[in-house]
Amino acid sequence: MKTSKTFIVATISLLSLPAIAGYGTPSEGWGFVQDDWQVVCDNTRTCRVAGYSSDASIDKPASVLFTVLPKVALPKAQIQLASKVSKDNTGLWLNNKNYGTLQPAGSDAVLYDLSAKQTQAIIDKAQ
């Protein structure tokens, strides 16, 4: 349950998606920064949207990365934790609702791929 609370805090703190709406301060290259979000696009029309834990959850930091490819309806999404956790108890919680277990992206147990359902849930909560 401790891991679930980590994701509740980390994910809720990341759900301030005004950066996607087109606001913010220009950053180096093409992109901008707004609150805990950074958006950067390249000349292939691929955009990456990174959200970071707020200062309120600094004891359990996490980040989320959306990779938006041209002509692909749903972005690829990943969550990265600052430290390893048990692979069996790592779940995505949004507003006290469980959206399932996260799948490790590799053997290091700090990077997790989100399913299409989990990705859509985060996008829906941000709108």
N, C-alpha and C. Protein backbone atom coordinates (compact mmCIF):
# COMPACT_ATOMS: atom_id res chain seq x y z
N MET A 1 0.82 -1.20 0.00
CA MET A 1 0.00 0.00 0.00
C MET A 1 0.86 1.25 0.00
N LYS A 2 2.07 1.17 0.56
CA LYS A 2 2.94 2.33 0.61
C LYS A 2 3.30 2.80 -0.80
N THR A 3 3.56 1.84 -1.72
CA THR A 3 3.88 2.19 -3.09
C THR A 3 2.70 2.88 -3.75
N SER A 4 1.50 2.39 -3.48
CA SER A 4 0.30 3.00 -4.06
C SER A 4 0.17 4.45 -3.62
N LYS A 5 0.45 4.73 -2.37
CA LYS A 5 0.38 6.11 -1.88
C LYS A 5 1.41 6.97 -2.58
N THR A 6 2.57 6.39 -2.88
CA THR A 6 3.60 7.13 -3.60
C THR A 6 3.07 7.59 -4.94
N PHE A 7 2.41 6.69 -5.65
CA PHE A 7 1.90 7.05 -6.96
C PHE A 7 0.73 8.01 -6.88
N ILE A 8 -0.07 7.91 -5.85
CA ILE A 8 -1.17 8.86 -5.69
C ILE A 8 -0.60 10.27 -5.57
N VAL A 9 0.35 10.43 -4.67
CA VAL A 9 0.96 11.74 -4.43
C VAL A 9 1.69 12.22 -5.67
N ALA A 10 2.53 11.34 -6.26
CA ALA A 10 3.34 11.74 -7.40
C ALA A 10 2.48 12.06 -8.61
N THR A 11 1.49 11.24 -8.86
CA THR A 11 0.68 11.45 -10.05
C THR A 11 -0.23 12.65 -9.91
N ILE A 12 -0.86 12.82 -8.77
CA ILE A 12 -1.73 13.98 -8.58
C ILE A 12 -0.92 15.26 -8.69
N SER A 13 0.29 15.25 -8.17
CA SER A 13 1.11 16.46 -8.25
C SER A 13 1.53 16.76 -9.68
N LEU A 14 1.50 15.75 -10.54
CA LEU A 14 1.90 15.95 -11.93
C LEU A 14 0.76 16.37 -12.84
N LEU A 15 -0.46 16.35 -12.34
CA LEU A 15 -1.60 16.55 -13.20
C LEU A 15 -2.00 18.01 -13.38
N SER A 16 -1.03 18.86 -13.50
CA SER A 16 -1.32 20.25 -13.81
C SER A 16 -0.88 20.50 -15.24
N LEU A 17 -1.63 20.02 -16.20
CA LEU A 17 -1.22 20.02 -17.60
C LEU A 17 -1.45 21.32 -18.37
N PRO A 18 -1.39 22.48 -17.74
CA PRO A 18 -1.57 23.68 -18.55
C PRO A 18 -0.46 23.83 -19.58
N ALA A 19 0.66 23.14 -19.40
CA ALA A 19 1.73 23.22 -20.38
C ALA A 19 1.28 22.71 -21.74
N ILE A 20 0.45 21.70 -21.75
CA ILE A 20 -0.02 21.16 -23.02
C ILE A 20 -0.94 22.17 -23.71
N ALA A 21 -1.58 23.01 -22.97
CA ALA A 21 -2.49 23.99 -23.54
C ALA A 21 -1.76 25.11 -24.29
N GLY A 22 -0.45 25.18 -24.18
CA GLY A 22 0.30 26.16 -24.94
C GLY A 22 0.76 27.36 -24.17
N TYR A 23 0.80 27.29 -22.86
CA TYR A 23 1.26 28.39 -22.04
C TYR A 23 2.65 28.08 -21.54
N GLY A 24 3.36 29.10 -21.11
CA GLY A 24 4.63 28.85 -20.48
C GLY A 24 5.71 29.78 -20.95
N THR A 25 6.90 29.54 -20.44
CA THR A 25 8.07 30.33 -20.76
C THR A 25 8.91 29.58 -21.79
N PRO A 26 9.32 30.24 -22.86
CA PRO A 26 10.14 29.54 -23.85
C PRO A 26 11.41 28.99 -23.22
N SER A 27 11.81 27.80 -23.66
CA SER A 27 13.05 27.19 -23.19
C SER A 27 14.04 27.16 -24.35
N GLU A 28 15.20 26.61 -24.13
CA GLU A 28 16.19 26.47 -25.19
C GLU A 28 15.60 25.64 -26.32
N GLY A 29 15.84 26.03 -27.57
CA GLY A 29 15.27 25.29 -28.69
C GLY A 29 13.80 25.56 -28.81
N TRP A 30 13.03 24.57 -29.28
CA TRP A 30 11.60 24.75 -29.45
C TRP A 30 10.88 24.05 -28.32
N GLY A 31 10.26 24.80 -27.47
CA GLY A 31 9.52 24.23 -26.35
C GLY A 31 9.25 25.30 -25.32
N PHE A 32 8.69 24.87 -24.21
CA PHE A 32 8.41 25.80 -23.13
C PHE A 32 8.30 25.06 -21.81
N VAL A 33 8.32 25.83 -20.74
CA VAL A 33 8.23 25.30 -19.38
C VAL A 33 7.08 26.00 -18.69
N GLN A 34 6.25 25.23 -17.99
CA GLN A 34 5.14 25.78 -17.20
C GLN A 34 5.01 24.95 -15.94
N ASP A 35 5.15 25.58 -14.79
CA ASP A 35 5.05 24.90 -13.50
C ASP A 35 6.02 23.72 -13.48
N ASP A 36 5.49 22.51 -13.28
CA ASP A 36 6.34 21.31 -13.20
C ASP A 36 6.38 20.54 -14.52
N TRP A 37 6.08 21.21 -15.64
CA TRP A 37 6.03 20.58 -16.95
C TRP A 37 6.99 21.24 -17.91
N GLN A 38 7.55 20.43 -18.81
CA GLN A 38 8.40 20.94 -19.86
C GLN A 38 7.98 20.26 -21.16
N VAL A 39 7.83 21.04 -22.22
CA VAL A 39 7.45 20.52 -23.53
C VAL A 39 8.56 20.90 -24.52
N VAL A 40 9.02 19.90 -25.27
CA VAL A 40 10.04 20.13 -26.28
C VAL A 40 9.66 19.33 -27.52
N CYS A 41 9.71 19.97 -28.68
CA CYS A 41 9.43 19.30 -29.94
C CYS A 41 10.65 19.40 -30.84
N ASP A 42 10.78 18.44 -31.75
CA ASP A 42 11.92 18.46 -32.66
C ASP A 42 11.45 18.58 -34.10
N ASN A 43 12.40 18.55 -35.04
CA ASN A 43 12.06 18.76 -36.45
C ASN A 43 11.37 17.56 -37.09
N THR A 44 11.19 16.46 -36.36
CA THR A 44 10.43 15.32 -36.86
C THR A 44 8.97 15.40 -36.43
N ARG A 45 8.62 16.51 -35.80
CA ARG A 45 7.27 16.74 -35.25
C ARG A 45 6.93 15.80 -34.10
N THR A 46 7.96 15.30 -33.46
CA THR A 46 7.79 14.51 -32.24
C THR A 46 7.94 15.46 -31.06
N CYS A 47 6.99 15.38 -30.14
CA CYS A 47 7.05 16.22 -28.95
C CYS A 47 7.16 15.35 -27.71
N ARG A 48 7.89 15.83 -26.74
CA ARG A 48 8.03 15.16 -25.46
C ARG A 48 7.55 16.11 -24.37
N VAL A 49 6.65 15.59 -23.54
CA VAL A 49 6.08 16.37 -22.45
C VAL A 49 6.52 15.68 -21.16
N ALA A 50 7.33 16.35 -20.36
CA ALA A 50 7.83 15.77 -19.11
C ALA A 50 7.23 16.53 -17.94
N GLY A 51 6.71 15.78 -17.00
CA GLY A 51 6.17 16.35 -15.78
C GLY A 51 6.95 15.84 -14.59
N TYR A 52 7.21 16.71 -13.65
CA TYR A 52 8.03 16.36 -12.49
C TYR A 52 7.24 16.55 -11.20
N SER A 53 7.61 15.79 -10.19
CA SER A 53 6.96 15.90 -8.88
C SER A 53 7.09 17.32 -8.36
N SER A 54 6.07 17.74 -7.67
CA SER A 54 6.12 19.06 -7.05
C SER A 54 7.00 19.00 -5.80
N ASP A 55 7.32 20.15 -5.27
CA ASP A 55 8.13 20.21 -4.06
C ASP A 55 7.43 19.56 -2.87
N ALA A 56 6.11 19.49 -2.90
CA ALA A 56 5.34 18.88 -1.80
C ALA A 56 5.60 17.38 -1.69
N SER A 57 6.01 16.75 -2.79
CA SER A 57 6.26 15.30 -2.75
C SER A 57 7.74 15.00 -2.98
N ILE A 58 8.60 15.88 -2.52
CA ILE A 58 10.04 15.75 -2.75
C ILE A 58 10.62 14.49 -2.09
N ASP A 59 9.96 13.96 -1.05
CA ASP A 59 10.48 12.76 -0.39
C ASP A 59 10.23 11.51 -1.23
N LYS A 60 9.33 11.56 -2.20
CA LYS A 60 9.04 10.42 -3.08
C LYS A 60 8.94 10.93 -4.52
N PRO A 61 10.04 11.41 -5.08
CA PRO A 61 9.97 12.02 -6.40
C PRO A 61 9.68 11.00 -7.51
N ALA A 62 8.96 11.48 -8.50
CA ALA A 62 8.64 10.71 -9.69
C ALA A 62 8.49 11.68 -10.85
N SER A 63 8.62 11.15 -12.05
CA SER A 63 8.39 11.97 -13.24
C SER A 63 7.61 11.15 -14.25
N VAL A 64 6.93 11.84 -15.13
CA VAL A 64 6.18 11.18 -16.19
C VAL A 64 6.63 11.79 -17.52
N LEU A 65 6.74 10.95 -18.54
CA LEU A 65 7.15 11.41 -19.86
C LEU A 65 6.15 10.92 -20.88
N PHE A 66 5.57 11.86 -21.63
CA PHE A 66 4.71 11.53 -22.76
C PHE A 66 5.50 11.80 -24.03
N THR A 67 5.53 10.84 -24.95
CA THR A 67 6.16 11.03 -26.24
C THR A 67 5.05 11.02 -27.28
N VAL A 68 4.86 12.17 -27.92
CA VAL A 68 3.77 12.34 -28.88
C VAL A 68 4.38 12.29 -30.29
N LEU A 69 3.99 11.26 -31.02
CA LEU A 69 4.47 11.08 -32.39
C LEU A 69 3.44 11.61 -33.38
N PRO A 70 3.90 12.09 -34.54
CA PRO A 70 2.95 12.59 -35.53
C PRO A 70 2.01 11.47 -36.01
N LYS A 71 0.75 11.81 -36.18
CA LYS A 71 -0.28 10.91 -36.70
C LYS A 71 -0.54 9.69 -35.82
N VAL A 72 -0.16 9.76 -34.53
CA VAL A 72 -0.47 8.70 -33.57
C VAL A 72 -1.41 9.31 -32.53
N ALA A 73 -2.57 8.70 -32.38
CA ALA A 73 -3.61 9.29 -31.53
C ALA A 73 -3.23 9.36 -30.06
N LEU A 74 -2.62 8.31 -29.53
CA LEU A 74 -2.31 8.26 -28.10
C LEU A 74 -0.80 8.28 -27.89
N PRO A 75 -0.29 9.18 -27.06
CA PRO A 75 1.16 9.22 -26.84
C PRO A 75 1.65 8.01 -26.05
N LYS A 76 2.93 7.73 -26.18
CA LYS A 76 3.57 6.73 -25.34
C LYS A 76 3.86 7.42 -24.01
N ALA A 77 3.62 6.72 -22.89
CA ALA A 77 3.84 7.34 -21.59
C ALA A 77 4.66 6.42 -20.69
N GLN A 78 5.54 7.02 -19.91
CA GLN A 78 6.37 6.30 -18.96
C GLN A 78 6.44 7.08 -17.66
N ILE A 79 6.55 6.34 -16.55
CA ILE A 79 6.77 6.95 -15.24
C ILE A 79 8.11 6.47 -14.73
N GLN A 80 8.90 7.39 -14.19
CA GLN A 80 10.19 7.04 -13.60
C GLN A 80 10.19 7.44 -12.14
N LEU A 81 10.63 6.51 -11.30
CA LEU A 81 10.76 6.78 -9.87
C LEU A 81 12.21 7.08 -9.54
N ALA A 82 12.43 7.75 -8.45
CA ALA A 82 13.79 8.08 -8.04
C ALA A 82 14.50 6.88 -7.42
N SER A 83 13.74 5.91 -6.92
CA SER A 83 14.35 4.73 -6.31
C SER A 83 13.56 3.48 -6.68
N LYS A 84 14.20 2.34 -6.55
CA LYS A 84 13.56 1.07 -6.90
C LYS A 84 12.46 0.73 -5.90
N VAL A 85 11.41 0.11 -6.41
CA VAL A 85 10.32 -0.38 -5.58
C VAL A 85 10.00 -1.80 -6.02
N SER A 86 9.22 -2.48 -5.23
CA SER A 86 8.82 -3.84 -5.56
C SER A 86 8.00 -3.84 -6.84
N LYS A 87 8.35 -4.71 -7.78
CA LYS A 87 7.64 -4.79 -9.05
C LYS A 87 6.20 -5.27 -8.85
N ASP A 88 5.93 -6.01 -7.78
CA ASP A 88 4.61 -6.59 -7.55
C ASP A 88 3.60 -5.57 -7.02
N ASN A 89 4.05 -4.52 -6.39
CA ASN A 89 3.14 -3.57 -5.74
C ASN A 89 3.08 -2.20 -6.42
N THR A 90 3.61 -2.08 -7.60
CA THR A 90 3.68 -0.78 -8.24
C THR A 90 2.44 -0.57 -9.10
N GLY A 91 1.57 0.32 -8.63
CA GLY A 91 0.33 0.58 -9.34
C GLY A 91 0.13 2.06 -9.57
N LEU A 92 -0.75 2.37 -10.50
CA LEU A 92 -1.10 3.75 -10.81
C LEU A 92 -2.43 4.08 -10.15
N TRP A 93 -2.42 5.09 -9.29
CA TRP A 93 -3.63 5.54 -8.60
C TRP A 93 -3.88 7.00 -8.97
N LEU A 94 -5.11 7.30 -9.36
CA LEU A 94 -5.52 8.67 -9.65
C LEU A 94 -6.81 8.94 -8.91
N ASN A 95 -6.80 9.95 -8.06
CA ASN A 95 -8.00 10.32 -7.28
C ASN A 95 -8.61 9.11 -6.58
N ASN A 96 -7.76 8.35 -5.90
CA ASN A 96 -8.17 7.18 -5.11
C ASN A 96 -8.76 6.04 -5.94
N LYS A 97 -8.48 6.00 -7.23
CA LYS A 97 -8.92 4.90 -8.08
C LYS A 97 -7.69 4.21 -8.67
N ASN A 98 -7.69 2.88 -8.56
CA ASN A 98 -6.56 2.09 -9.06
C ASN A 98 -6.72 1.86 -10.55
N TYR A 99 -5.70 2.21 -11.31
CA TYR A 99 -5.69 1.99 -12.75
C TYR A 99 -4.75 0.86 -13.15
N GLY A 100 -4.46 -0.01 -12.23
CA GLY A 100 -3.70 -1.21 -12.55
C GLY A 100 -2.22 -1.13 -12.25
N THR A 101 -1.59 -2.28 -12.37
CA THR A 101 -0.16 -2.43 -12.12
C THR A 101 0.64 -1.84 -13.27
N LEU A 102 1.75 -1.19 -12.93
CA LEU A 102 2.64 -0.66 -13.94
C LEU A 102 3.62 -1.75 -14.38
N GLN A 103 3.93 -1.74 -15.67
CA GLN A 103 4.84 -2.72 -16.23
C GLN A 103 6.24 -2.13 -16.34
N PRO A 104 7.25 -2.78 -15.72
CA PRO A 104 8.61 -2.27 -15.81
C PRO A 104 9.08 -2.19 -17.26
N ALA A 105 9.75 -1.11 -17.60
CA ALA A 105 10.27 -0.93 -18.95
C ALA A 105 11.56 -1.70 -19.16
N GLY A 106 12.20 -2.10 -18.07
CA GLY A 106 13.45 -2.84 -18.15
C GLY A 106 13.67 -3.56 -16.84
N SER A 107 14.89 -3.97 -16.62
CA SER A 107 15.19 -4.73 -15.40
C SER A 107 15.57 -3.86 -14.21
N ASP A 108 15.67 -2.55 -14.38
CA ASP A 108 16.13 -1.69 -13.29
C ASP A 108 15.03 -1.31 -12.30
N ALA A 109 13.77 -1.52 -12.63
CA ALA A 109 12.62 -1.29 -11.74
C ALA A 109 12.47 0.17 -11.29
N VAL A 110 12.93 1.12 -12.07
CA VAL A 110 12.65 2.53 -11.78
C VAL A 110 11.88 3.19 -12.93
N LEU A 111 11.83 2.55 -14.09
CA LEU A 111 11.13 3.09 -15.25
C LEU A 111 10.00 2.14 -15.62
N TYR A 112 8.80 2.69 -15.76
CA TYR A 112 7.61 1.88 -16.03
C TYR A 112 6.88 2.41 -17.25
N ASP A 113 6.44 1.49 -18.12
CA ASP A 113 5.62 1.85 -19.27
C ASP A 113 4.16 1.86 -18.84
N LEU A 114 3.42 2.85 -19.26
CA LEU A 114 1.99 2.91 -18.98
C LEU A 114 1.23 2.26 -20.13
N SER A 115 0.18 1.55 -19.80
CA SER A 115 -0.67 0.95 -20.83
C SER A 115 -1.49 2.06 -21.49
N ALA A 116 -2.17 1.72 -22.57
CA ALA A 116 -3.03 2.69 -23.24
C ALA A 116 -4.12 3.18 -22.29
N LYS A 117 -4.68 2.27 -21.48
CA LYS A 117 -5.73 2.64 -20.53
C LYS A 117 -5.19 3.60 -19.47
N GLN A 118 -4.00 3.34 -18.95
CA GLN A 118 -3.40 4.20 -17.94
C GLN A 118 -3.05 5.56 -18.52
N THR A 119 -2.51 5.57 -19.73
CA THR A 119 -2.17 6.83 -20.39
C THR A 119 -3.42 7.67 -20.61
N GLN A 120 -4.47 7.05 -21.11
CA GLN A 120 -5.72 7.77 -21.35
C GLN A 120 -6.31 8.29 -20.05
N ALA A 121 -6.19 7.51 -18.96
CA ALA A 121 -6.71 7.96 -17.66
C ALA A 121 -6.02 9.23 -17.20
N ILE A 122 -4.71 9.31 -17.36
CA ILE A 122 -3.97 10.52 -16.95
C ILE A 122 -4.40 11.71 -17.81
N ILE A 123 -4.52 11.49 -19.10
CA ILE A 123 -4.94 12.58 -20.00
C ILE A 123 -6.36 13.04 -19.65
N ASP A 124 -7.24 12.09 -19.41
CA ASP A 124 -8.63 12.45 -19.06
C ASP A 124 -8.70 13.24 -17.75
N LYS A 125 -7.90 12.87 -16.76
CA LYS A 125 -7.91 13.57 -15.47
C LYS A 125 -7.36 14.98 -15.60
N ALA A 126 -6.53 15.22 -16.58
CA ALA A 126 -5.91 16.53 -16.75
C ALA A 126 -6.81 17.51 -17.49
N GLN A 127 -7.82 17.04 -18.12
CA GLN A 127 -8.66 17.94 -18.93
C GLN A 127 -9.74 18.58 -18.12
